[in-house]
Amino acid sequence: MTIHVQPISEVTQHATNVLIREIGVVDTIRFLSQFRAGTGSYTEEREQLFKGMSVKDIIADIKLQQRKDHQVGYYDGLQPTEDNLNLNDPPGSNIEPTSQDSRQSKDSSNDS
């Protein structure tokens, strides 16, 4: 069995034509723009960003940021309380649910 392998430029042109025919020029451009190569070197940036940090340090920073996000109310359905300042607790462990969340948990307990 012989397989004909087209040059990548022909494959790209054919695929582009199919996309234009099926979804139009604008959506084809929007779709293809997702796949542009970025600039810079993620490896170098990562090494600079996390220089001298262990995985445990990085995880601790993530958890700290999550707690801060909870405190300012970035998470839907959660309301910050004064107790949120204790950063030794797991994220969200001392955040009180909104009245809607409380109502949902009461409704689910009545289902039993």
PDB file of N, CA and C in Angstrom:
ATOM      1  N   MET A   1       0.848  -1.172   0.000  1.00  0.00           N
ATOM      2  CA  MET A   1       0.000   0.000   0.000  1.00  0.00           C
ATOM      3  C   MET A   1       0.900   1.244   0.000  1.00  0.00           C
ATOM      4  N   THR A   2       0.606   2.142  -0.901  1.00  0.00           N
ATOM      5  CA  THR A   2       1.361   3.376  -0.999  1.00  0.00           C
ATOM      6  C   THR A   2       0.534   4.512  -0.412  1.00  0.00           C
ATOM      7  N   ILE A   3       1.170   5.285   0.428  1.00  0.00           N
ATOM      8  CA  ILE A   3       0.498   6.436   1.045  1.00  0.00           C
ATOM      9  C   ILE A   3       1.105   7.700   0.477  1.00  0.00           C
ATOM     10  N   HIS A   4       0.231   8.578  -0.039  1.00  0.00           N
ATOM     11  CA  HIS A   4       0.693   9.853  -0.565  1.00  0.00           C
ATOM     12  C   HIS A   4       0.648  10.878   0.572  1.00  0.00           C
ATOM     13  N   VAL A   5       1.783  11.428   0.912  1.00  0.00           N
ATOM     14  CA  VAL A   5       1.862  12.434   1.968  1.00  0.00           C
ATOM     15  C   VAL A   5       2.016  13.802   1.303  1.00  0.00           C
ATOM     16  N   GLN A   6       1.020  14.638   1.541  1.00  0.00           N
ATOM     17  CA  GLN A   6       1.052  15.981   0.964  1.00  0.00           C
ATOM     18  C   GLN A   6       1.994  16.868   1.772  1.00  0.00           C
ATOM     19  N   PRO A   7       2.613  17.835   1.105  1.00  0.00           N
ATOM     20  CA  PRO A   7       3.406  18.817   1.854  1.00  0.00           C
ATOM     21  C   PRO A   7       2.498  19.566   2.830  1.00  0.00           C
ATOM     22  N   ILE A   8       3.047  19.961   3.966  1.00  0.00           N
ATOM     23  CA  ILE A   8       2.255  20.620   5.006  1.00  0.00           C
ATOM     24  C   ILE A   8       1.595  21.899   4.497  1.00  0.00           C
ATOM     25  N   SER A   9       2.239  22.591   3.559  1.00  0.00           N
ATOM     26  CA  SER A   9       1.630  23.814   3.019  1.00  0.00           C
ATOM     27  C   SER A   9       0.329  23.502   2.281  1.00  0.00           C
ATOM     28  N   GLU A  10       0.278  22.361   1.576  1.00  0.00           N
ATOM     29  CA  GLU A  10      -0.953  21.968   0.881  1.00  0.00           C
ATOM     30  C   GLU A  10      -2.030  21.551   1.880  1.00  0.00           C
ATOM     31  N   VAL A  11      -1.638  20.823   2.917  1.00  0.00           N
ATOM     32  CA  VAL A  11      -2.591  20.417   3.950  1.00  0.00           C
ATOM     33  C   VAL A  11      -3.180  21.656   4.618  1.00  0.00           C
ATOM     34  N   THR A  12      -2.326  22.613   4.928  1.00  0.00           N
ATOM     35  CA  THR A  12      -2.775  23.846   5.575  1.00  0.00           C
ATOM     36  C   THR A  12      -3.739  24.610   4.679  1.00  0.00           C
ATOM     37  N   GLN A  13      -3.415  24.731   3.405  1.00  0.00           N
ATOM     38  CA  GLN A  13      -4.278  25.447   2.469  1.00  0.00           C
ATOM     39  C   GLN A  13      -5.630  24.756   2.336  1.00  0.00           C
ATOM     40  N   HIS A  14      -5.600  23.436   2.210  1.00  0.00           N
ATOM     41  CA  HIS A  14      -6.854  22.679   2.092  1.00  0.00           C
ATOM     42  C   HIS A  14      -7.708  22.840   3.354  1.00  0.00           C
ATOM     43  N   ALA A  15      -7.093  22.702   4.511  1.00  0.00           N
ATOM     44  CA  ALA A  15      -7.823  22.837   5.779  1.00  0.00           C
ATOM     45  C   ALA A  15      -8.405  24.235   5.932  1.00  0.00           C
ATOM     46  N   THR A  16      -7.646  25.236   5.555  1.00  0.00           N
ATOM     47  CA  THR A  16      -8.129  26.621   5.631  1.00  0.00           C
ATOM     48  C   THR A  16      -9.339  26.811   4.727  1.00  0.00           C
ATOM     49  N   ASN A  17      -9.267  26.265   3.508  1.00  0.00           N
ATOM     50  CA  ASN A  17     -10.394  26.379   2.582  1.00  0.00           C
ATOM     51  C   ASN A  17     -11.643  25.686   3.125  1.00  0.00           C
ATOM     52  N   VAL A  18     -11.461  24.524   3.751  1.00  0.00           N
ATOM     53  CA  VAL A  18     -12.593  23.805   4.341  1.00  0.00           C
ATOM     54  C   VAL A  18     -13.211  24.632   5.466  1.00  0.00           C
ATOM     55  N   LEU A  19     -12.364  25.185   6.325  1.00  0.00           N
ATOM     56  CA  LEU A  19     -12.873  26.019   7.418  1.00  0.00           C
ATOM     57  C   LEU A  19     -13.639  27.226   6.894  1.00  0.00           C
ATOM     58  N   ILE A  20     -13.087  27.906   5.907  1.00  0.00           N
ATOM     59  CA  ILE A  20     -13.763  29.080   5.345  1.00  0.00           C
ATOM     60  C   ILE A  20     -15.118  28.688   4.773  1.00  0.00           C
ATOM     61  N   ARG A  21     -15.168  27.582   4.065  1.00  0.00           N
ATOM     62  CA  ARG A  21     -16.421  27.119   3.463  1.00  0.00           C
ATOM     63  C   ARG A  21     -17.442  26.757   4.545  1.00  0.00           C
ATOM     64  N   GLU A  22     -16.988  26.126   5.619  1.00  0.00           N
ATOM     65  CA  GLU A  22     -17.913  25.626   6.646  1.00  0.00           C
ATOM     66  C   GLU A  22     -18.318  26.669   7.682  1.00  0.00           C
ATOM     67  N   ILE A  23     -17.391  27.516   8.095  1.00  0.00           N
ATOM     68  CA  ILE A  23     -17.719  28.447   9.195  1.00  0.00           C
ATOM     69  C   ILE A  23     -17.516  29.914   8.839  1.00  0.00           C
ATOM     70  N   GLY A  24     -17.040  30.194   7.638  1.00  0.00           N
ATOM     71  CA  GLY A  24     -16.872  31.581   7.207  1.00  0.00           C
ATOM     72  C   GLY A  24     -15.486  32.123   7.516  1.00  0.00           C
ATOM     73  N   VAL A  25     -15.179  33.251   6.861  1.00  0.00           N
ATOM     74  CA  VAL A  25     -13.847  33.850   6.975  1.00  0.00           C
ATOM     75  C   VAL A  25     -13.561  34.338   8.392  1.00  0.00           C
ATOM     76  N   VAL A  26     -14.508  35.068   8.976  1.00  0.00           N
ATOM     77  CA  VAL A  26     -14.276  35.671  10.296  1.00  0.00           C
ATOM     78  C   VAL A  26     -14.028  34.596  11.358  1.00  0.00           C
ATOM     79  N   ASP A  27     -14.889  33.587  11.396  1.00  0.00           N
ATOM     80  CA  ASP A  27     -14.712  32.539  12.409  1.00  0.00           C
ATOM     81  C   ASP A  27     -13.474  31.691  12.132  1.00  0.00           C
ATOM     82  N   THR A  28     -13.103  31.544  10.856  1.00  0.00           N
ATOM     83  CA  THR A  28     -11.860  30.835  10.537  1.00  0.00           C
ATOM     84  C   THR A  28     -10.668  31.590  11.095  1.00  0.00           C
ATOM     85  N   ILE A  29     -10.658  32.895  10.899  1.00  0.00           N
ATOM     86  CA  ILE A  29      -9.556  33.714  11.440  1.00  0.00           C
ATOM     87  C   ILE A  29      -9.535  33.632  12.960  1.00  0.00           C
ATOM     88  N   ARG A  30     -10.698  33.727  13.583  1.00  0.00           N
ATOM     89  CA  ARG A  30     -10.762  33.623  15.049  1.00  0.00           C
ATOM     90  C   ARG A  30     -10.235  32.275  15.518  1.00  0.00           C
ATOM     91  N   PHE A  31     -10.639  31.209  14.832  1.00  0.00           N
ATOM     92  CA  PHE A  31     -10.209  29.865  15.199  1.00  0.00           C
ATOM     93  C   PHE A  31      -8.702  29.714  15.047  1.00  0.00           C
ATOM     94  N   LEU A  32      -8.171  30.105  13.905  1.00  0.00           N
ATOM     95  CA  LEU A  32      -6.746  29.928  13.644  1.00  0.00           C
ATOM     96  C   LEU A  32      -5.865  30.804  14.531  1.00  0.00           C
ATOM     97  N   SER A  33      -6.400  31.937  14.975  1.00  0.00           N
ATOM     98  CA  SER A  33      -5.589  32.834  15.810  1.00  0.00           C
ATOM     99  C   SER A  33      -5.258  32.210  17.169  1.00  0.00           C
ATOM    100  N   GLN A  34      -5.995  31.190  17.558  1.00  0.00           N
ATOM    101  CA  GLN A  34      -5.705  30.496  18.824  1.00  0.00           C
ATOM    102  C   GLN A  34      -4.365  29.788  18.795  1.00  0.00           C
ATOM    103  N   PHE A  35      -3.889  29.441  17.609  1.00  0.00           N
ATOM    104  CA  PHE A  35      -2.738  28.561  17.482  1.00  0.00           C
ATOM    105  C   PHE A  35      -1.451  29.281  17.109  1.00  0.00           C
ATOM    106  N   ARG A  36      -1.446  30.589  17.246  1.00  0.00           N
ATOM    107  CA  ARG A  36      -0.215  31.325  16.959  1.00  0.00           C
ATOM    108  C   ARG A  36       0.839  31.013  17.998  1.00  0.00           C
ATOM    109  N   ALA A  37       2.061  30.928  17.541  1.00  0.00           N
ATOM    110  CA  ALA A  37       3.160  30.699  18.483  1.00  0.00           C
ATOM    111  C   ALA A  37       3.378  31.960  19.305  1.00  0.00           C
ATOM    112  N   GLY A  38       3.584  31.772  20.583  1.00  0.00           N
ATOM    113  CA  GLY A  38       3.861  32.902  21.452  1.00  0.00           C
ATOM    114  C   GLY A  38       5.303  33.351  21.313  1.00  0.00           C
ATOM    115  N   THR A  39       5.653  34.320  22.108  1.00  0.00           N
ATOM    116  CA  THR A  39       7.026  34.808  22.086  1.00  0.00           C
ATOM    117  C   THR A  39       7.683  34.506  23.418  1.00  0.00           C
ATOM    118  N   GLY A  40       8.979  34.548  23.430  1.00  0.00           N
ATOM    119  CA  GLY A  40       9.711  34.311  24.665  1.00  0.00           C
ATOM    120  C   GLY A  40       9.915  32.826  24.916  1.00  0.00           C
ATOM    121  N   SER A  41      10.483  32.558  26.071  1.00  0.00           N
ATOM    122  CA  SER A  41      10.770  31.177  26.446  1.00  0.00           C
ATOM    123  C   SER A  41      10.145  30.907  27.803  1.00  0.00           C
ATOM    124  N   TYR A  42       9.103  30.069  27.800  1.00  0.00           N
ATOM    125  CA  TYR A  42       8.444  29.752  29.057  1.00  0.00           C
ATOM    126  C   TYR A  42       9.422  29.093  30.029  1.00  0.00           C
ATOM    127  N   THR A  43      10.315  28.268  29.512  1.00  0.00           N
ATOM    128  CA  THR A  43      11.271  27.584  30.384  1.00  0.00           C
ATOM    129  C   THR A  43      12.135  28.592  31.127  1.00  0.00           C
ATOM    130  N   GLU A  44      12.648  29.579  30.406  1.00  0.00           N
ATOM    131  CA  GLU A  44      13.479  30.606  31.051  1.00  0.00           C
ATOM    132  C   GLU A  44      12.663  31.443  32.026  1.00  0.00           C
ATOM    133  N   GLU A  45      11.453  31.827  31.608  1.00  0.00           N
ATOM    134  CA  GLU A  45      10.601  32.633  32.482  1.00  0.00           C
ATOM    135  C   GLU A  45      10.242  31.866  33.754  1.00  0.00           C
ATOM    136  N   ARG A  46       9.942  30.582  33.606  1.00  0.00           N
ATOM    137  CA  ARG A  46       9.591  29.751  34.760  1.00  0.00           C
ATOM    138  C   ARG A  46      10.770  29.641  35.720  1.00  0.00           C
ATOM    139  N   GLU A  47      11.970  29.453  35.166  1.00  0.00           N
ATOM    140  CA  GLU A  47      13.148  29.342  36.021  1.00  0.00           C
ATOM    141  C   GLU A  47      13.378  30.632  36.803  1.00  0.00           C
ATOM    142  N   GLN A  48      13.162  31.778  36.178  1.00  0.00           N
ATOM    143  CA  GLN A  48      13.313  33.058  36.877  1.00  0.00           C
ATOM    144  C   GLN A  48      12.203  33.252  37.909  1.00  0.00           C
ATOM    145  N   LEU A  49      10.973  32.938  37.509  1.00  0.00           N
ATOM    146  CA  LEU A  49       9.820  33.164  38.379  1.00  0.00           C
ATOM    147  C   LEU A  49       9.893  32.335  39.656  1.00  0.00           C
ATOM    148  N   PHE A  50      10.332  31.085  39.527  1.00  0.00           N
ATOM    149  CA  PHE A  50      10.336  30.173  40.661  1.00  0.00           C
ATOM    150  C   PHE A  50      11.739  29.882  41.181  1.00  0.00           C
ATOM    151  N   LYS A  51      12.692  30.738  40.859  1.00  0.00           N
ATOM    152  CA  LYS A  51      14.076  30.538  41.268  1.00  0.00           C
ATOM    153  C   LYS A  51      14.178  30.414  42.790  1.00  0.00           C
ATOM    154  N   GLY A  52      14.824  29.345  43.243  1.00  0.00           N
ATOM    155  CA  GLY A  52      15.034  29.138  44.675  1.00  0.00           C
ATOM    156  C   GLY A  52      13.821  28.620  45.426  1.00  0.00           C
ATOM    157  N   MET A  53      12.732  28.293  44.703  1.00  0.00           N
ATOM    158  CA  MET A  53      11.516  27.813  45.358  1.00  0.00           C
ATOM    159  C   MET A  53      11.377  26.310  45.153  1.00  0.00           C
ATOM    160  N   SER A  54      10.915  25.639  46.193  1.00  0.00           N
ATOM    161  CA  SER A  54      10.607  24.214  46.073  1.00  0.00           C
ATOM    162  C   SER A  54       9.148  24.079  45.633  1.00  0.00           C
ATOM    163  N   VAL A  55       8.747  22.873  45.287  1.00  0.00           N
ATOM    164  CA  VAL A  55       7.349  22.623  44.931  1.00  0.00           C
ATOM    165  C   VAL A  55       6.460  22.963  46.124  1.00  0.00           C
ATOM    166  N   LYS A  56       6.918  22.640  47.330  1.00  0.00           N
ATOM    167  CA  LYS A  56       6.141  22.966  48.538  1.00  0.00           C
ATOM    168  C   LYS A  56       5.956  24.474  48.677  1.00  0.00           C
ATOM    169  N   ASP A  57       7.005  25.257  48.360  1.00  0.00           N
ATOM    170  CA  ASP A  57       6.899  26.720  48.408  1.00  0.00           C
ATOM    171  C   ASP A  57       5.862  27.223  47.415  1.00  0.00           C
ATOM    172  N   ILE A  58       5.876  26.671  46.223  1.00  0.00           N
ATOM    173  CA  ILE A  58       4.939  27.087  45.179  1.00  0.00           C
ATOM    174  C   ILE A  58       3.510  26.756  45.595  1.00  0.00           C
ATOM    175  N   ILE A  59       3.303  25.558  46.134  1.00  0.00           N
ATOM    176  CA  ILE A  59       1.973  25.159  46.597  1.00  0.00           C
ATOM    177  C   ILE A  59       1.504  26.077  47.724  1.00  0.00           C
ATOM    178  N   ALA A  60       2.399  26.414  48.647  1.00  0.00           N
ATOM    179  CA  ALA A  60       2.041  27.316  49.747  1.00  0.00           C
ATOM    180  C   ALA A  60       1.625  28.683  49.205  1.00  0.00           C
ATOM    181  N   ASP A  61       2.330  29.177  48.180  1.00  0.00           N
ATOM    182  CA  ASP A  61       1.969  30.461  47.576  1.00  0.00           C
ATOM    183  C   ASP A  61       0.595  30.389  46.909  1.00  0.00           C
ATOM    184  N   ILE A  62       0.313  29.278  46.247  1.00  0.00           N
ATOM    185  CA  ILE A  62      -0.996  29.104  45.613  1.00  0.00           C
ATOM    186  C   ILE A  62      -2.091  29.126  46.661  1.00  0.00           C
ATOM    187  N   LYS A  63      -1.896  28.396  47.755  1.00  0.00           N
ATOM    188  CA  LYS A  63      -2.897  28.347  48.817  1.00  0.00           C
ATOM    189  C   LYS A  63      -3.086  29.717  49.461  1.00  0.00           C
ATOM    190  N   LEU A  64      -2.005  30.438  49.639  1.00  0.00           N
ATOM    191  CA  LEU A  64      -2.097  31.790  50.197  1.00  0.00           C
ATOM    192  C   LEU A  64      -2.924  32.685  49.277  1.00  0.00           C
ATOM    193  N   GLN A  65      -2.687  32.602  47.987  1.00  0.00           N
ATOM    194  CA  GLN A  65      -3.442  33.427  47.040  1.00  0.00           C
ATOM    195  C   GLN A  65      -4.913  33.026  47.037  1.00  0.00           C
ATOM    196  N   GLN A  66      -5.193  31.733  47.146  1.00  0.00           N
ATOM    197  CA  GLN A  66      -6.580  31.289  47.204  1.00  0.00           C
ATOM    198  C   GLN A  66      -7.277  31.865  48.435  1.00  0.00           C
ATOM    199  N   ARG A  67      -6.593  31.875  49.565  1.00  0.00           N
ATOM    200  CA  ARG A  67      -7.184  32.438  50.783  1.00  0.00           C
ATOM    201  C   ARG A  67      -7.458  33.928  50.605  1.00  0.00           C
ATOM    202  N   LYS A  68      -6.514  34.630  50.000  1.00  0.00           N
ATOM    203  CA  LYS A  68      -6.713  36.057  49.755  1.00  0.00           C
ATOM    204  C   LYS A  68      -7.897  36.279  48.820  1.00  0.00           C
ATOM    205  N   ASP A  69      -8.027  35.424  47.795  1.00  0.00           N
ATOM    206  CA  ASP A  69      -9.154  35.537  46.872  1.00  0.00           C
ATOM    207  C   ASP A  69     -10.474  35.312  47.593  1.00  0.00           C
ATOM    208  N   HIS A  70     -10.490  34.358  48.529  1.00  0.00           N
ATOM    209  CA  HIS A  70     -11.697  34.133  49.321  1.00  0.00           C
ATOM    210  C   HIS A  70     -12.026  35.361  50.158  1.00  0.00           C
ATOM    211  N   GLN A  71     -11.009  35.983  50.708  1.00  0.00           N
ATOM    212  CA  GLN A  71     -11.220  37.127  51.589  1.00  0.00           C
ATOM    213  C   GLN A  71     -11.854  38.297  50.854  1.00  0.00           C
ATOM    214  N   VAL A  72     -11.521  38.479  49.612  1.00  0.00           N
ATOM    215  CA  VAL A  72     -12.089  39.610  48.874  1.00  0.00           C
ATOM    216  C   VAL A  72     -13.318  39.189  48.091  1.00  0.00           C
ATOM    217  N   GLY A  73     -13.769  37.948  48.262  1.00  0.00           N
ATOM    218  CA  GLY A  73     -15.023  37.513  47.675  1.00  0.00           C
ATOM    219  C   GLY A  73     -14.961  37.146  46.210  1.00  0.00           C
ATOM    220  N   TYR A  74     -13.823  36.666  45.725  1.00  0.00           N
ATOM    221  CA  TYR A  74     -13.718  36.298  44.317  1.00  0.00           C
ATOM    222  C   TYR A  74     -14.484  35.031  43.978  1.00  0.00           C
ATOM    223  N   TYR A  75     -14.822  34.211  44.970  1.00  0.00           N
ATOM    224  CA  TYR A  75     -15.485  32.952  44.704  1.00  0.00           C
ATOM    225  C   TYR A  75     -16.980  33.113  44.893  1.00  0.00           C
ATOM    226  N   ASP A  76     -17.762  32.777  43.876  1.00  0.00           N
ATOM    227  CA  ASP A  76     -19.219  32.898  43.930  1.00  0.00           C
ATOM    228  C   ASP A  76     -19.789  32.037  45.048  1.00  0.00           C
ATOM    229  N   GLY A  77     -20.784  32.570  45.728  1.00  0.00           N
ATOM    230  CA  GLY A  77     -21.468  31.800  46.754  1.00  0.00           C
ATOM    231  C   GLY A  77     -20.783  31.797  48.099  1.00  0.00           C
ATOM    232  N   LEU A  78     -19.647  32.434  48.234  1.00  0.00           N
ATOM    233  CA  LEU A  78     -18.936  32.451  49.509  1.00  0.00           C
ATOM    234  C   LEU A  78     -18.793  33.886  49.983  1.00  0.00           C
ATOM    235  N   GLN A  79     -19.034  34.086  51.246  1.00  0.00           N
ATOM    236  CA  GLN A  79     -18.893  35.416  51.829  1.00  0.00           C
ATOM    237  C   GLN A  79     -17.738  35.413  52.819  1.00  0.00           C
ATOM    238  N   PRO A  80     -16.830  36.378  52.715  1.00  0.00           N
ATOM    239  CA  PRO A  80     -15.723  36.426  53.665  1.00  0.00           C
ATOM    240  C   PRO A  80     -16.211  36.773  55.069  1.00  0.00           C
ATOM    241  N   THR A  81     -15.511  36.262  56.075  1.00  0.00           N
ATOM    242  CA  THR A  81     -15.811  36.588  57.464  1.00  0.00           C
ATOM    243  C   THR A  81     -14.540  37.148  58.100  1.00  0.00           C
ATOM    244  N   GLU A  82     -14.663  37.695  59.296  1.00  0.00           N
ATOM    245  CA  GLU A  82     -13.491  38.246  59.980  1.00  0.00           C
ATOM    246  C   GLU A  82     -12.484  37.158  60.318  1.00  0.00           C
ATOM    247  N   ASP A  83     -12.952  35.920  60.461  1.00  0.00           N
ATOM    248  CA  ASP A  83     -12.070  34.804  60.794  1.00  0.00           C
ATOM    249  C   ASP A  83     -11.167  34.397  59.641  1.00  0.00           C
ATOM    250  N   ASN A  84     -11.410  34.915  58.448  1.00  0.00           N
ATOM    251  CA  ASN A  84     -10.630  34.512  57.271  1.00  0.00           C
ATOM    252  C   ASN A  84      -9.168  34.921  57.354  1.00  0.00           C
ATOM    253  N   LEU A  85      -8.825  35.718  58.310  1.00  0.00           N
ATOM    254  CA  LEU A  85      -7.455  36.201  58.393  1.00  0.00           C
ATOM    255  C   LEU A  85      -6.493  35.136  58.898  1.00  0.00           C
ATOM    256  N   ASN A  86      -7.008  34.030  59.428  1.00  0.00           N
ATOM    257  CA  ASN A  86      -6.142  32.957  59.903  1.00  0.00           C
ATOM    258  C   ASN A  86      -5.657  32.150  58.699  1.00  0.00           C
ATOM    259  N   LEU A  87      -4.436  32.401  58.278  1.00  0.00           N
ATOM    260  CA  LEU A  87      -3.914  31.772  57.075  1.00  0.00           C
ATOM    261  C   LEU A  87      -3.395  30.360  57.308  1.00  0.00           C
ATOM    262  N   ASN A  88      -3.510  29.849  58.516  1.00  0.00           N
ATOM    263  CA  ASN A  88      -3.077  28.483  58.787  1.00  0.00           C
ATOM    264  C   ASN A  88      -4.177  27.465  58.502  1.00  0.00           C
ATOM    265  N   ASP A  89      -5.414  27.944  58.348  1.00  0.00           N
ATOM    266  CA  ASP A  89      -6.526  27.044  58.051  1.00  0.00           C
ATOM    267  C   ASP A  89      -6.542  26.710  56.561  1.00  0.00           C
ATOM    268  N   PRO A  90      -7.083  25.562  56.204  1.00  0.00           N
ATOM    269  CA  PRO A  90      -7.200  25.231  54.783  1.00  0.00           C
ATOM    270  C   PRO A  90      -8.066  26.258  54.064  1.00  0.00           C
ATOM    271  N   PRO A  91      -7.820  26.494  52.778  1.00  0.00           N
ATOM    272  CA  PRO A  91      -8.608  27.489  52.043  1.00  0.00           C
ATOM    273  C   PRO A  91     -10.102  27.196  52.139  1.00  0.00           C
ATOM    274  N   GLY A  92     -10.875  28.218  52.476  1.00  0.00           N
ATOM    275  CA  GLY A  92     -12.325  28.097  52.510  1.00  0.00           C
ATOM    276  C   GLY A  92     -12.893  27.408  53.726  1.00  0.00           C
ATOM    277  N   SER A  93     -12.045  26.958  54.659  1.00  0.00           N
ATOM    278  CA  SER A  93     -12.554  26.188  55.797  1.00  0.00           C
ATOM    279  C   SER A  93     -13.346  27.052  56.767  1.00  0.00           C
ATOM    280  N   ASN A  94     -13.096  28.340  56.772  1.00  0.00           N
ATOM    281  CA  ASN A  94     -13.816  29.195  57.714  1.00  0.00           C
ATOM    282  C   ASN A  94     -14.609  30.280  56.998  1.00  0.00           C
ATOM    283  N   ILE A  95     -15.055  29.992  55.792  1.00  0.00           N
ATOM    284  CA  ILE A  95     -15.882  30.939  55.053  1.00  0.00           C
ATOM    285  C   ILE A  95     -17.315  30.459  55.131  1.00  0.00           C
ATOM    286  N   GLU A  96     -18.182  31.351  55.571  1.00  0.00           N
ATOM    287  CA  GLU A  96     -19.574  30.978  55.763  1.00  0.00           C
ATOM    288  C   GLU A  96     -20.304  31.025  54.428  1.00  0.00           C
ATOM    289  N   PRO A  97     -21.189  30.051  54.178  1.00  0.00           N
ATOM    290  CA  PRO A  97     -21.954  30.081  52.935  1.00  0.00           C
ATOM    291  C   PRO A  97     -22.969  31.210  52.959  1.00  0.00           C
ATOM    292  N   THR A  98     -23.380  31.647  51.781  1.00  0.00           N
ATOM    293  CA  THR A  98     -24.421  32.661  51.695  1.00  0.00           C
ATOM    294  C   THR A  98     -25.737  32.032  52.107  1.00  0.00           C
ATOM    295  N   SER A  99     -26.768  32.850  52.249  1.00  0.00           N
ATOM    296  CA  SER A  99     -28.072  32.319  52.646  1.00  0.00           C
ATOM    297  C   SER A  99     -28.575  31.319  51.617  1.00  0.00           C
ATOM    298  N   GLN A 100     -28.269  31.537  50.335  1.00  0.00           N
ATOM    299  CA  GLN A 100     -28.680  30.598  49.295  1.00  0.00           C
ATOM    300  C   GLN A 100     -27.997  29.248  49.496  1.00  0.00           C
ATOM    301  N   ASP A 101     -26.693  29.259  49.826  1.00  0.00           N
ATOM    302  CA  ASP A 101     -25.980  28.011  50.079  1.00  0.00           C
ATOM    303  C   ASP A 101     -26.556  27.299  51.300  1.00  0.00           C
ATOM    304  N   SER A 102     -26.895  28.056  52.343  1.00  0.00           N
ATOM    305  CA  SER A 102     -27.465  27.463  53.545  1.00  0.00           C
ATOM    306  C   SER A 102     -28.798  26.824  53.222  1.00  0.00           C
ATOM    307  N   ARG A 103     -29.597  27.508  52.412  1.00  0.00           N
ATOM    308  CA  ARG A 103     -30.901  26.994  52.033  1.00  0.00           C
ATOM    309  C   ARG A 103     -30.745  25.690  51.251  1.00  0.00           C
ATOM    310  N   GLN A 104     -29.758  25.628  50.349  1.00  0.00           N
ATOM    311  CA  GLN A 104     -29.541  24.419  49.561  1.00  0.00           C
ATOM    312  C   GLN A 104     -29.137  23.254  50.454  1.00  0.00           C
ATOM    313  N   SER A 105     -28.263  23.504  51.436  1.00  0.00           N
ATOM    314  CA  SER A 105     -27.834  22.403  52.302  1.00  0.00           C
ATOM    315  C   SER A 105     -28.993  21.934  53.182  1.00  0.00           C
ATOM    316  N   LYS A 106     -29.892  22.859  53.618  1.00  0.00           N
ATOM    317  CA  LYS A 106     -31.060  22.461  54.405  1.00  0.00           C
ATOM    318  C   LYS A 106     -32.022  21.642  53.542  1.00  0.00           C
ATOM    319  N   ASP A 107     -32.204  22.079  52.275  1.00  0.00           N
ATOM    320  CA  ASP A 107     -33.090  21.347  51.361  1.00  0.00           C
ATOM    321  C   ASP A 107     -32.578  19.938  51.132  1.00  0.00           C
ATOM    322  N   SER A 108     -31.283  19.775  50.958  1.00  0.00           N
ATOM    323  CA  SER A 108     -30.730  18.453  50.689  1.00  0.00           C
ATOM    324  C   SER A 108     -30.826  17.572  51.936  1.00  0.00           C
ATOM    325  N   SER A 109     -30.767  18.173  53.131  1.00  0.00           N
ATOM    326  CA  SER A 109     -30.877  17.361  54.355  1.00  0.00           C
ATOM    327  C   SER A 109     -32.317  16.922  54.573  1.00  0.00           C
ATOM    328  N   ASN A 110     -33.303  17.666  54.030  1.00  0.00           N
ATOM    329  CA  ASN A 110     -34.707  17.274  54.150  1.00  0.00           C
ATOM    330  C   ASN A 110     -35.058  16.150  53.207  1.00  0.00           C
ATOM    331  N   ASP A 111     -34.239  15.936  52.176  1.00  0.00           N
ATOM    332  CA  ASP A 111     -34.500  14.881  51.198  1.00  0.00           C
ATOM    333  C   ASP A 111     -34.293  13.493  51.787  1.00  0.00           C
ATOM    334  N   SER A 112     -33.568  13.370  52.873  1.00  0.00           N
ATOM    335  CA  SER A 112     -33.226  12.064  53.438  1.00  0.00           C
ATOM    336  C   SER A 112     -34.418  11.371  54.007  1.00  0.00           C
TER     337      SER A 112
END
